[in-house]
Protein backbone atom coordinates (compact mmCIF):
# COMPACT_ATOMS: atom_id res chain seq x y z
CA MET A 1 -14.10 -24.05 -9.51
CA LYS A 2 -10.41 -23.51 -10.29
CA LYS A 3 -11.13 -20.02 -11.57
CA THR A 4 -13.32 -19.16 -8.59
CA LEU A 5 -10.72 -20.24 -6.05
CA LEU A 6 -7.87 -18.53 -7.86
CA VAL A 7 -9.73 -15.25 -8.31
CA LEU A 8 -10.94 -15.29 -4.70
CA SER A 9 -7.41 -15.82 -3.44
CA ALA A 10 -6.16 -12.93 -5.55
CA PHE A 11 -8.91 -10.64 -4.24
CA ILE A 12 -8.12 -11.58 -0.65
CA ALA A 13 -4.47 -10.77 -1.26
CA ILE A 14 -5.22 -7.43 -2.89
CA MET A 15 -7.47 -6.47 0.03
CA ILE A 16 -4.73 -7.33 2.50
CA VAL A 17 -2.42 -4.95 0.63
CA SER A 18 -5.16 -2.36 0.21
CA CYS A 19 -5.99 -2.21 3.89
CA GLN A 20 -2.46 -1.27 4.93
CA LYS A 21 -1.82 2.43 5.21
CA GLU A 22 1.93 1.98 5.12
CA LEU A 23 3.61 -0.99 3.48
CA ASN A 24 6.65 -2.71 4.95
CA ASP A 25 9.90 -2.32 3.03
CA PRO A 26 13.25 -2.85 4.78
CA THR A 27 15.17 -0.79 2.21
CA ILE A 28 15.18 2.82 1.14
CA THR A 29 16.77 2.58 -2.30
CA GLY A 30 13.90 0.67 -3.91
CA LEU A 31 11.30 3.33 -3.18
CA THR A 32 9.80 5.66 -5.72
CA ASN A 33 9.32 9.37 -5.16
CA GLY A 34 5.81 10.61 -4.51
CA SER A 35 6.24 13.64 -6.75
CA GLY A 36 7.93 11.76 -9.56
CA GLY A 37 11.03 13.90 -9.06
CA SER A 38 14.00 14.12 -6.74
CA GLY A 39 12.13 14.96 -3.56
CA GLY A 40 10.03 18.01 -4.28
CA ALA A 41 10.75 21.72 -4.32
CA GLY A 42 11.71 23.87 -1.36
CA SER A 43 12.61 22.92 2.20
CA THR A 44 12.48 19.33 3.45
CA ASN A 45 11.78 20.38 7.05
CA ILE A 46 8.72 18.25 7.79
CA THR A 47 8.29 19.13 11.48
CA GLY A 48 4.99 20.71 12.47
CA ASN A 49 1.26 20.05 12.62
CA TRP A 50 -0.36 18.25 9.71
CA LYS A 51 -3.83 17.24 8.55
CA PHE A 52 -4.24 13.71 7.17
CA VAL A 53 -5.44 14.23 3.57
CA SER A 54 -5.51 10.77 1.99
CA ILE A 55 -3.84 7.45 1.28
CA SER A 56 -3.58 6.31 -2.32
CA ALA A 57 -2.28 3.00 -3.61
CA VAL A 58 -1.58 1.13 -6.83
CA THR A 59 -1.51 -2.64 -6.29
CA GLN A 60 -1.14 -5.79 -8.37
CA SER A 61 -1.44 -9.44 -7.35
CA THR A 62 -0.59 -12.33 -9.67
CA ALA A 63 -1.60 -15.85 -8.59
CA GLN A 64 -0.67 -18.88 -10.72
CA PHE A 65 -0.59 -22.67 -10.61
CA SER A 66 -0.42 -25.60 -13.05
CA LEU A 67 -2.76 -28.58 -13.10
CA ALA A 68 -3.09 -31.40 -15.65
CA GLY A 69 -0.97 -29.51 -18.16
CA THR A 70 -2.93 -26.26 -17.88
CA ILE A 71 -1.50 -23.05 -16.39
CA PHE A 72 -4.13 -21.08 -14.45
CA LYS A 73 -3.37 -17.44 -13.67
CA THR A 74 -5.20 -14.42 -12.30
CA VAL A 75 -3.83 -10.87 -12.36
CA THR A 76 -5.71 -8.48 -10.05
CA ASN A 77 -5.15 -4.71 -10.19
CA SER A 78 -6.39 -1.84 -8.04
CA ASP A 79 -5.72 1.90 -8.07
CA TYR A 80 -7.50 4.01 -5.47
CA THR A 81 -7.45 7.10 -3.27
CA SER A 82 -9.15 7.07 0.12
CA ILE A 83 -12.21 9.18 0.98
CA ASN A 84 -13.80 10.41 4.24
CA ASN A 85 -10.33 11.18 5.56
CA THR A 86 -9.93 12.49 9.11
CA GLY A 87 -7.17 13.00 11.65
CA THR A 88 -3.99 14.91 12.36
CA VAL A 89 -0.28 14.13 12.57
CA VAL A 90 2.27 16.04 14.66
CA ILE A 91 5.83 15.60 13.39
CA THR A 92 8.89 16.40 15.51
CA GLY A 93 12.53 15.81 14.65
CA ASN A 94 12.27 12.09 15.43
CA SER A 95 8.60 11.14 15.92
CA MET A 96 5.16 11.27 14.32
CA THR A 97 2.04 11.30 16.50
CA ALA A 98 -1.20 10.46 14.70
CA THR A 99 -4.52 11.37 16.34
CA GLY A 100 -7.96 10.34 15.14
CA VAL A 101 -6.75 9.08 11.76
CA SER A 102 -9.44 7.32 9.75
CA TYR A 103 -10.38 6.82 6.11
CA LYS A 104 -12.54 4.79 3.75
CA VAL A 105 -11.68 2.99 0.53
CA ALA A 106 -14.58 2.61 -1.90
CA ASP A 107 -13.31 1.63 -5.32
CA THR A 108 -12.99 -1.24 -7.80
CA ALA A 109 -10.44 -3.99 -8.48
CA PHE A 110 -10.13 -5.72 -11.85
CA ALA A 111 -9.12 -9.37 -12.18
CA PHE A 112 -7.99 -10.94 -15.46
CA TYR A 113 -8.24 -14.73 -15.59
CA TYR A 114 -5.97 -16.71 -17.96
CA GLU A 115 -5.59 -20.33 -18.99
CA ASN A 116 -2.30 -21.11 -20.73
CA ASN A 117 -1.78 -17.33 -21.03
CA VAL A 118 -5.02 -16.89 -22.99
CA LEU A 119 -7.42 -14.37 -21.44
CA MET A 120 -10.61 -16.21 -20.52
CA ASP A 121 -12.52 -13.77 -18.34
CA THR A 122 -12.45 -10.33 -16.71
CA ILE A 123 -14.01 -9.86 -13.29
CA ILE A 124 -14.84 -6.55 -11.57
CA GLN A 125 -14.86 -6.57 -7.78
CA ALA A 126 -15.79 -3.74 -5.40
CA ILE A 127 -13.29 -2.70 -2.71
CA ASN A 128 -15.08 -1.36 0.36
CA PHE A 129 -13.09 -0.84 3.54
CA GLN A 130 -13.42 1.51 6.50
CA LEU A 131 -10.38 2.06 8.72
CA PRO A 132 -11.55 2.79 12.29
CA SER A 133 -10.16 5.92 13.93
CA TYR A 134 -6.86 5.32 15.73
CA ASN A 135 -4.02 7.06 17.58
CA THR A 136 -0.37 6.07 17.38
CA VAL A 137 3.15 7.34 18.07
CA SER A 138 5.98 6.41 15.68
CA THR A 139 9.72 7.11 15.77
CA TYR A 140 11.76 7.74 12.64
CA LYS A 141 15.10 9.01 11.41
CA GLN A 142 15.84 11.13 8.36
CA VAL A 143 18.18 9.14 6.12
CA SER A 144 18.68 11.79 3.44
CA GLN A 145 17.08 15.00 2.23
CA ASP A 146 14.23 13.09 0.60
CA SER A 147 13.96 9.86 2.60
CA ILE A 148 13.00 8.77 6.11
CA TYR A 149 13.04 5.44 7.91
CA PHE A 150 10.66 4.40 10.70
CA THR A 151 12.65 2.78 13.51
CA SER A 152 9.48 1.78 15.39
CA GLN A 153 6.03 1.19 13.91
CA GLY A 154 4.96 3.47 11.10
CA LEU A 155 1.81 5.57 11.16
CA ASP A 156 -0.10 2.30 10.85
CA PRO A 157 -0.41 0.85 14.40
CA SER A 158 -0.50 -2.73 13.06
CA ALA A 159 2.83 -2.44 11.27
CA GLY A 160 6.24 -3.07 12.75
CA GLY A 161 9.42 -1.08 12.33
CA GLY A 162 11.65 -1.04 9.28
CA GLN A 163 9.63 1.12 6.92
CA GLY A 164 11.33 3.32 4.37
CA TYR A 165 9.69 6.29 2.63
CA ARG A 166 10.54 8.87 0.04
CA ILE A 167 9.29 12.28 1.09
CA ALA A 168 8.29 15.14 -1.20
CA LEU A 169 7.43 18.52 0.30
CA ASN A 170 5.82 21.05 -2.04
CA GLY A 171 4.52 24.14 -0.29
CA ASN A 172 2.17 22.93 2.46
CA ILE A 173 1.69 19.43 0.98
CA LEU A 174 3.80 16.49 2.17
CA LYS A 175 3.75 13.19 0.30
CA MET A 176 5.35 10.05 1.76
CA THR A 177 5.76 7.15 -0.67
CA THR A 178 6.61 3.54 0.08
CA SER A 179 6.61 0.32 -1.96
CA VAL A 180 6.39 -3.41 -1.31
CA VAL A 181 7.16 -6.57 -3.24
CA LYS A 182 6.03 -9.87 -1.73
CA ASP A 183 6.16 -13.49 -2.95
CA THR A 184 4.14 -16.17 -1.17
CA THR A 185 2.49 -19.54 -1.68
CA ILE A 186 -1.28 -19.74 -1.15
CA ASN A 187 -3.75 -22.60 -0.82
CA VAL A 188 -6.47 -22.38 -3.50
CA GLY A 189 -8.33 -25.49 -2.29
CA GLY A 190 -8.38 -29.17 -3.09
CA GLY A 191 -4.78 -29.60 -2.01
CA VAL A 192 -3.63 -27.21 -4.76
CA THR A 193 -1.21 -24.39 -4.01
CA ALA A 194 -0.45 -21.36 -6.16
CA SER A 195 2.49 -18.99 -6.27
CA GLN A 196 1.56 -15.40 -5.64
CA HIS A 197 3.49 -12.23 -6.51
CA GLU A 198 2.29 -8.92 -5.05
CA THR A 199 3.48 -5.36 -5.67
CA ALA A 200 2.14 -2.12 -4.27
CA THR A 201 3.06 1.53 -4.06
CA ALA A 202 1.28 3.67 -1.45
CA VAL A 203 1.34 7.45 -1.01
CA THR A 204 0.28 9.13 2.24
CA THR A 205 -0.58 12.81 1.78
CA LEU A 206 -0.54 15.37 4.62
CA GLN A 207 -1.34 19.10 4.60
CA ARG A 208 0.45 21.53 6.92
CA GLN A 209 -1.90 23.29 9.32
């Protein structure tokens, strides 16, 4: 029962992270670059009409608690790129307008269950999520040549302001990368709570039309 509750809680957490197209991060300096470099080659002028290509994410959730002298821990990892991607984004000097954006995530998460840091079980869980088509208007400012900051909601209509991204423009491909680190306490049942540590890096890819 302890394992079931702990693994379920970790899966719920990883799905919460997985279903966000942009991830909240109030800082710019902690973000990684989508191209792995200093911001991509060529011009960083991102204004224009863009096709939504995909959202990809690497996530990890670690949930842990102690009971009767035993430390129970589950580490859940996912690494996916969306499919069935649709929609467009129009970028001006200070706003992004998304129209008809939708995608599906159909992949697999892997959970590793430990007792006293000894691996006891590995569980494979399907991730299956369809984001309904949506429209949204976001405002942003360019902080530096390779970073922007959303002052209102990001491209995700459910997210608030305060999102930082690294941008990498290579030819007609724009990648916007953001990261999140989150620590919470979750209820795993029976009056037992677990500490949970989540990290995720998400990359939104657009293609100039």
